[in-house]
Amino acid sequence: MEDEALSQRLSRYPALKKHVEDALDVVENVGGDVGLADSAEERLILAGRDFNRNAMQSWAENQVKARETKFRRTHKQAHKDSKKNSTGTRASEESK
């Protein structure tokens, strides 16, 4: 994959992009605080878990959007739920 294409795809998912940047910071020891392999490994494992969680969330959101679009295309008469305009049922008179 070309760098520009990857960059464009990541720009659609800011949370995932942030995780990639954070992992690169660990790899490059940007903060100067990752001097031991154990420390780097621990941070990358935690970052990987967060990355996976965000990736799954993004996947789920994409699935919902795709299914909504498909449903709307095949069920043009359907409409979204909206708040009803009714003020309720008028009270009836008491029995005598």
N, C-alpha and C. Protein backbone atom coordinates (compact mmCIF):
# COMPACT_ATOMS: atom_id res chain seq x y z
N MET A 1 0.85 -1.16 0.00
CA MET A 1 0.00 0.00 0.00
C MET A 1 0.90 1.24 0.00
N GLU A 2 0.52 2.19 -0.76
CA GLU A 2 1.28 3.43 -0.84
C GLU A 2 1.11 4.26 0.43
N ASP A 3 2.13 5.03 0.76
CA ASP A 3 2.10 5.87 1.97
C ASP A 3 0.92 6.83 1.97
N GLU A 4 0.65 7.44 0.83
CA GLU A 4 -0.45 8.41 0.74
C GLU A 4 -1.81 7.74 0.95
N ALA A 5 -1.97 6.56 0.38
CA ALA A 5 -3.23 5.84 0.55
C ALA A 5 -3.43 5.44 2.01
N LEU A 6 -2.36 4.99 2.65
CA LEU A 6 -2.44 4.63 4.07
C LEU A 6 -2.77 5.86 4.90
N SER A 7 -2.12 6.96 4.60
CA SER A 7 -2.37 8.21 5.32
C SER A 7 -3.83 8.64 5.18
N GLN A 8 -4.38 8.54 3.99
CA GLN A 8 -5.78 8.91 3.75
C GLN A 8 -6.72 8.01 4.53
N ARG A 9 -6.44 6.72 4.53
CA ARG A 9 -7.30 5.79 5.26
C ARG A 9 -7.24 6.06 6.76
N LEU A 10 -6.04 6.27 7.29
CA LEU A 10 -5.90 6.56 8.72
C LEU A 10 -6.58 7.86 9.10
N SER A 11 -6.60 8.83 8.19
CA SER A 11 -7.23 10.12 8.51
C SER A 11 -8.74 9.97 8.72
N ARG A 12 -9.33 8.91 8.20
CA ARG A 12 -10.76 8.66 8.43
C ARG A 12 -11.03 8.09 9.81
N TYR A 13 -9.98 7.64 10.50
CA TYR A 13 -10.10 7.03 11.82
C TYR A 13 -9.09 7.67 12.78
N PRO A 14 -9.41 8.85 13.29
CA PRO A 14 -8.45 9.59 14.13
C PRO A 14 -7.96 8.80 15.35
N ALA A 15 -8.82 8.02 15.98
CA ALA A 15 -8.39 7.26 17.16
C ALA A 15 -7.34 6.22 16.78
N LEU A 16 -7.54 5.55 15.65
CA LEU A 16 -6.56 4.55 15.20
C LEU A 16 -5.24 5.23 14.82
N LYS A 17 -5.35 6.37 14.17
CA LYS A 17 -4.14 7.12 13.79
C LYS A 17 -3.34 7.49 15.03
N LYS A 18 -4.02 7.92 16.08
CA LYS A 18 -3.36 8.30 17.33
C LYS A 18 -2.63 7.09 17.93
N HIS A 19 -3.24 5.92 17.87
CA HIS A 19 -2.60 4.71 18.41
C HIS A 19 -1.34 4.35 17.62
N VAL A 20 -1.39 4.50 16.31
CA VAL A 20 -0.21 4.22 15.48
C VAL A 20 0.90 5.20 15.85
N GLU A 21 0.54 6.48 16.01
CA GLU A 21 1.53 7.48 16.39
C GLU A 21 2.13 7.17 17.76
N ASP A 22 1.29 6.75 18.71
CA ASP A 22 1.78 6.41 20.05
C ASP A 22 2.74 5.22 20.01
N ALA A 23 2.41 4.22 19.19
CA ALA A 23 3.30 3.06 19.06
C ALA A 23 4.64 3.47 18.44
N LEU A 24 4.59 4.34 17.46
CA LEU A 24 5.83 4.82 16.86
C LEU A 24 6.66 5.62 17.86
N ASP A 25 5.99 6.36 18.73
CA ASP A 25 6.71 7.09 19.78
C ASP A 25 7.48 6.14 20.69
N VAL A 26 6.87 4.99 21.00
CA VAL A 26 7.55 3.99 21.83
C VAL A 26 8.72 3.40 21.06
N VAL A 27 8.49 3.02 19.82
CA VAL A 27 9.54 2.41 18.99
C VAL A 27 10.74 3.35 18.86
N GLU A 28 10.44 4.65 18.67
CA GLU A 28 11.51 5.63 18.48
C GLU A 28 11.97 6.24 19.80
N ASN A 29 11.37 5.83 20.92
CA ASN A 29 11.70 6.34 22.25
C ASN A 29 11.70 7.88 22.27
N VAL A 30 10.64 8.45 21.73
CA VAL A 30 10.53 9.89 21.58
C VAL A 30 10.63 10.60 22.93
N GLY A 31 9.98 10.08 23.94
CA GLY A 31 10.00 10.73 25.26
C GLY A 31 11.25 10.43 26.06
N GLY A 32 12.06 9.51 25.57
CA GLY A 32 13.27 9.15 26.28
C GLY A 32 13.03 8.34 27.55
N ASP A 33 11.82 7.86 27.73
CA ASP A 33 11.47 7.14 28.95
C ASP A 33 11.31 5.63 28.76
N VAL A 34 11.66 5.13 27.59
CA VAL A 34 11.55 3.69 27.32
C VAL A 34 12.96 3.15 27.09
N GLY A 35 13.67 2.93 28.19
CA GLY A 35 15.04 2.48 28.08
C GLY A 35 15.20 0.97 28.16
N LEU A 36 14.21 0.30 28.69
CA LEU A 36 14.29 -1.15 28.84
C LEU A 36 13.27 -1.84 27.94
N ALA A 37 13.64 -3.02 27.49
CA ALA A 37 12.75 -3.80 26.61
C ALA A 37 11.44 -4.12 27.32
N ASP A 38 11.51 -4.44 28.61
CA ASP A 38 10.29 -4.76 29.36
C ASP A 38 9.32 -3.59 29.36
N SER A 39 9.85 -2.40 29.54
CA SER A 39 9.02 -1.20 29.56
C SER A 39 8.37 -0.98 28.19
N ALA A 40 9.17 -1.11 27.14
CA ALA A 40 8.64 -0.94 25.78
C ALA A 40 7.59 -1.98 25.48
N GLU A 41 7.86 -3.23 25.87
CA GLU A 41 6.91 -4.31 25.62
C GLU A 41 5.59 -4.06 26.33
N GLU A 42 5.65 -3.65 27.59
CA GLU A 42 4.43 -3.40 28.35
C GLU A 42 3.61 -2.28 27.71
N ARG A 43 4.27 -1.20 27.33
CA ARG A 43 3.54 -0.09 26.72
C ARG A 43 2.94 -0.48 25.38
N LEU A 44 3.68 -1.27 24.60
CA LEU A 44 3.15 -1.69 23.30
C LEU A 44 1.99 -2.67 23.45
N ILE A 45 2.05 -3.54 24.45
CA ILE A 45 0.94 -4.46 24.69
C ILE A 45 -0.32 -3.69 25.06
N LEU A 46 -0.18 -2.73 25.97
CA LEU A 46 -1.34 -1.92 26.36
C LEU A 46 -1.85 -1.10 25.19
N ALA A 47 -0.93 -0.53 24.41
CA ALA A 47 -1.33 0.24 23.24
C ALA A 47 -2.04 -0.65 22.22
N GLY A 48 -1.56 -1.89 22.09
CA GLY A 48 -2.19 -2.83 21.16
C GLY A 48 -3.61 -3.17 21.56
N ARG A 49 -3.83 -3.33 22.85
CA ARG A 49 -5.19 -3.62 23.34
C ARG A 49 -6.12 -2.45 23.03
N ASP A 50 -5.65 -1.25 23.31
CA ASP A 50 -6.47 -0.07 23.01
C ASP A 50 -6.72 0.06 21.52
N PHE A 51 -5.69 -0.19 20.73
CA PHE A 51 -5.82 -0.13 19.28
C PHE A 51 -6.88 -1.12 18.80
N ASN A 52 -6.79 -2.35 19.29
CA ASN A 52 -7.77 -3.38 18.89
C ASN A 52 -9.18 -3.00 19.29
N ARG A 53 -9.35 -2.46 20.48
CA ARG A 53 -10.67 -2.03 20.94
C ARG A 53 -11.23 -0.94 20.03
N ASN A 54 -10.39 0.04 19.69
CA ASN A 54 -10.84 1.12 18.80
C ASN A 54 -11.08 0.61 17.39
N ALA A 55 -10.27 -0.32 16.93
CA ALA A 55 -10.47 -0.89 15.60
C ALA A 55 -11.80 -1.63 15.53
N MET A 56 -12.11 -2.40 16.56
CA MET A 56 -13.39 -3.12 16.59
C MET A 56 -14.57 -2.14 16.65
N GLN A 57 -14.43 -1.07 17.41
CA GLN A 57 -15.48 -0.05 17.50
C GLN A 57 -15.71 0.59 16.12
N SER A 58 -14.63 0.93 15.45
CA SER A 58 -14.74 1.51 14.11
C SER A 58 -15.38 0.53 13.14
N TRP A 59 -14.98 -0.74 13.23
CA TRP A 59 -15.58 -1.77 12.37
C TRP A 59 -17.08 -1.85 12.61
N ALA A 60 -17.48 -1.87 13.87
CA ALA A 60 -18.90 -1.99 14.21
C ALA A 60 -19.68 -0.79 13.68
N GLU A 61 -19.13 0.40 13.84
CA GLU A 61 -19.81 1.60 13.34
C GLU A 61 -19.96 1.53 11.82
N ASN A 62 -18.94 1.05 11.13
CA ASN A 62 -19.03 0.91 9.67
C ASN A 62 -20.09 -0.11 9.28
N GLN A 63 -20.19 -1.19 10.03
CA GLN A 63 -21.20 -2.21 9.75
C GLN A 63 -22.61 -1.64 9.91
N VAL A 64 -22.81 -0.87 10.96
CA VAL A 64 -24.13 -0.26 11.20
C VAL A 64 -24.47 0.67 10.06
N LYS A 65 -23.53 1.53 9.66
CA LYS A 65 -23.79 2.46 8.56
C LYS A 65 -24.11 1.72 7.27
N ALA A 66 -23.34 0.67 6.98
CA ALA A 66 -23.56 -0.09 5.75
C ALA A 66 -24.93 -0.77 5.75
N ARG A 67 -25.31 -1.32 6.88
CA ARG A 67 -26.61 -2.00 6.96
C ARG A 67 -27.76 -1.01 6.89
N GLU A 68 -27.58 0.16 7.50
CA GLU A 68 -28.62 1.19 7.41
C GLU A 68 -28.79 1.63 5.97
N THR A 69 -27.68 1.84 5.28
CA THR A 69 -27.74 2.27 3.88
C THR A 69 -28.42 1.20 3.03
N LYS A 70 -28.05 -0.05 3.23
CA LYS A 70 -28.64 -1.14 2.45
C LYS A 70 -30.13 -1.24 2.75
N PHE A 71 -30.51 -1.11 4.01
CA PHE A 71 -31.92 -1.19 4.38
C PHE A 71 -32.71 -0.07 3.74
N ARG A 72 -32.16 1.14 3.79
CA ARG A 72 -32.88 2.29 3.19
C ARG A 72 -33.05 2.12 1.69
N ARG A 73 -32.03 1.53 1.02
CA ARG A 73 -32.14 1.31 -0.41
C ARG A 73 -33.21 0.29 -0.74
N THR A 74 -33.34 -0.74 0.06
CA THR A 74 -34.30 -1.81 -0.24
C THR A 74 -35.68 -1.55 0.36
N HIS A 75 -35.79 -0.63 1.31
CA HIS A 75 -37.07 -0.32 1.94
C HIS A 75 -37.30 1.18 1.90
N LYS A 76 -37.52 1.69 0.72
CA LYS A 76 -37.65 3.14 0.54
C LYS A 76 -38.83 3.73 1.30
N GLN A 77 -39.86 2.93 1.55
CA GLN A 77 -41.03 3.43 2.26
C GLN A 77 -40.80 3.55 3.76
N ALA A 78 -39.78 2.93 4.26
CA ALA A 78 -39.50 2.96 5.70
C ALA A 78 -38.97 4.33 6.09
N HIS A 79 -39.26 4.71 7.32
CA HIS A 79 -38.75 5.98 7.83
C HIS A 79 -38.24 5.78 9.24
N LYS A 80 -37.36 6.66 9.65
CA LYS A 80 -36.80 6.56 10.99
C LYS A 80 -37.86 6.85 12.03
N ASP A 81 -37.68 6.28 13.22
CA ASP A 81 -38.56 6.60 14.33
C ASP A 81 -38.41 8.07 14.66
N SER A 82 -39.51 8.68 14.97
CA SER A 82 -39.45 10.07 15.40
C SER A 82 -40.43 10.25 16.55
N LYS A 83 -40.25 11.33 17.25
CA LYS A 83 -41.10 11.58 18.39
C LYS A 83 -42.53 11.82 17.90
N LYS A 84 -43.45 11.24 18.59
CA LYS A 84 -44.86 11.40 18.22
C LYS A 84 -45.33 12.78 18.63
N ASN A 85 -46.29 13.29 17.89
CA ASN A 85 -46.84 14.61 18.17
C ASN A 85 -48.03 14.56 19.12
N SER A 86 -48.44 13.37 19.48
CA SER A 86 -49.62 13.21 20.33
C SER A 86 -49.35 13.76 21.73
N THR A 87 -50.37 14.39 22.30
CA THR A 87 -50.25 14.88 23.68
C THR A 87 -50.85 13.87 24.65
N GLY A 88 -51.25 12.74 24.14
CA GLY A 88 -51.80 11.70 25.00
C GLY A 88 -53.28 11.51 24.75
N THR A 89 -53.88 10.66 25.55
CA THR A 89 -55.31 10.37 25.43
C THR A 89 -56.08 11.31 26.35
N ARG A 90 -57.13 11.87 25.80
CA ARG A 90 -57.95 12.79 26.58
C ARG A 90 -58.68 12.00 27.67
N ALA A 91 -58.72 12.57 28.84
CA ALA A 91 -59.41 11.91 29.95
C ALA A 91 -60.89 11.80 29.63
N SER A 92 -61.46 10.65 29.95
CA SER A 92 -62.90 10.47 29.71
C SER A 92 -63.66 10.86 31.00
N GLU A 93 -64.94 11.08 30.79
CA GLU A 93 -65.77 11.44 31.95
C GLU A 93 -65.95 10.22 32.83
N GLU A 94 -66.13 10.51 34.13
CA GLU A 94 -66.34 9.42 35.07
C GLU A 94 -67.72 8.84 34.87
N SER A 95 -67.87 7.54 35.15
CA SER A 95 -69.16 6.86 35.05
C SER A 95 -70.08 7.35 36.16
N LYS A 96 -71.37 7.36 35.88
CA LYS A 96 -72.37 7.78 36.89
C LYS A 96 -73.16 6.62 37.35
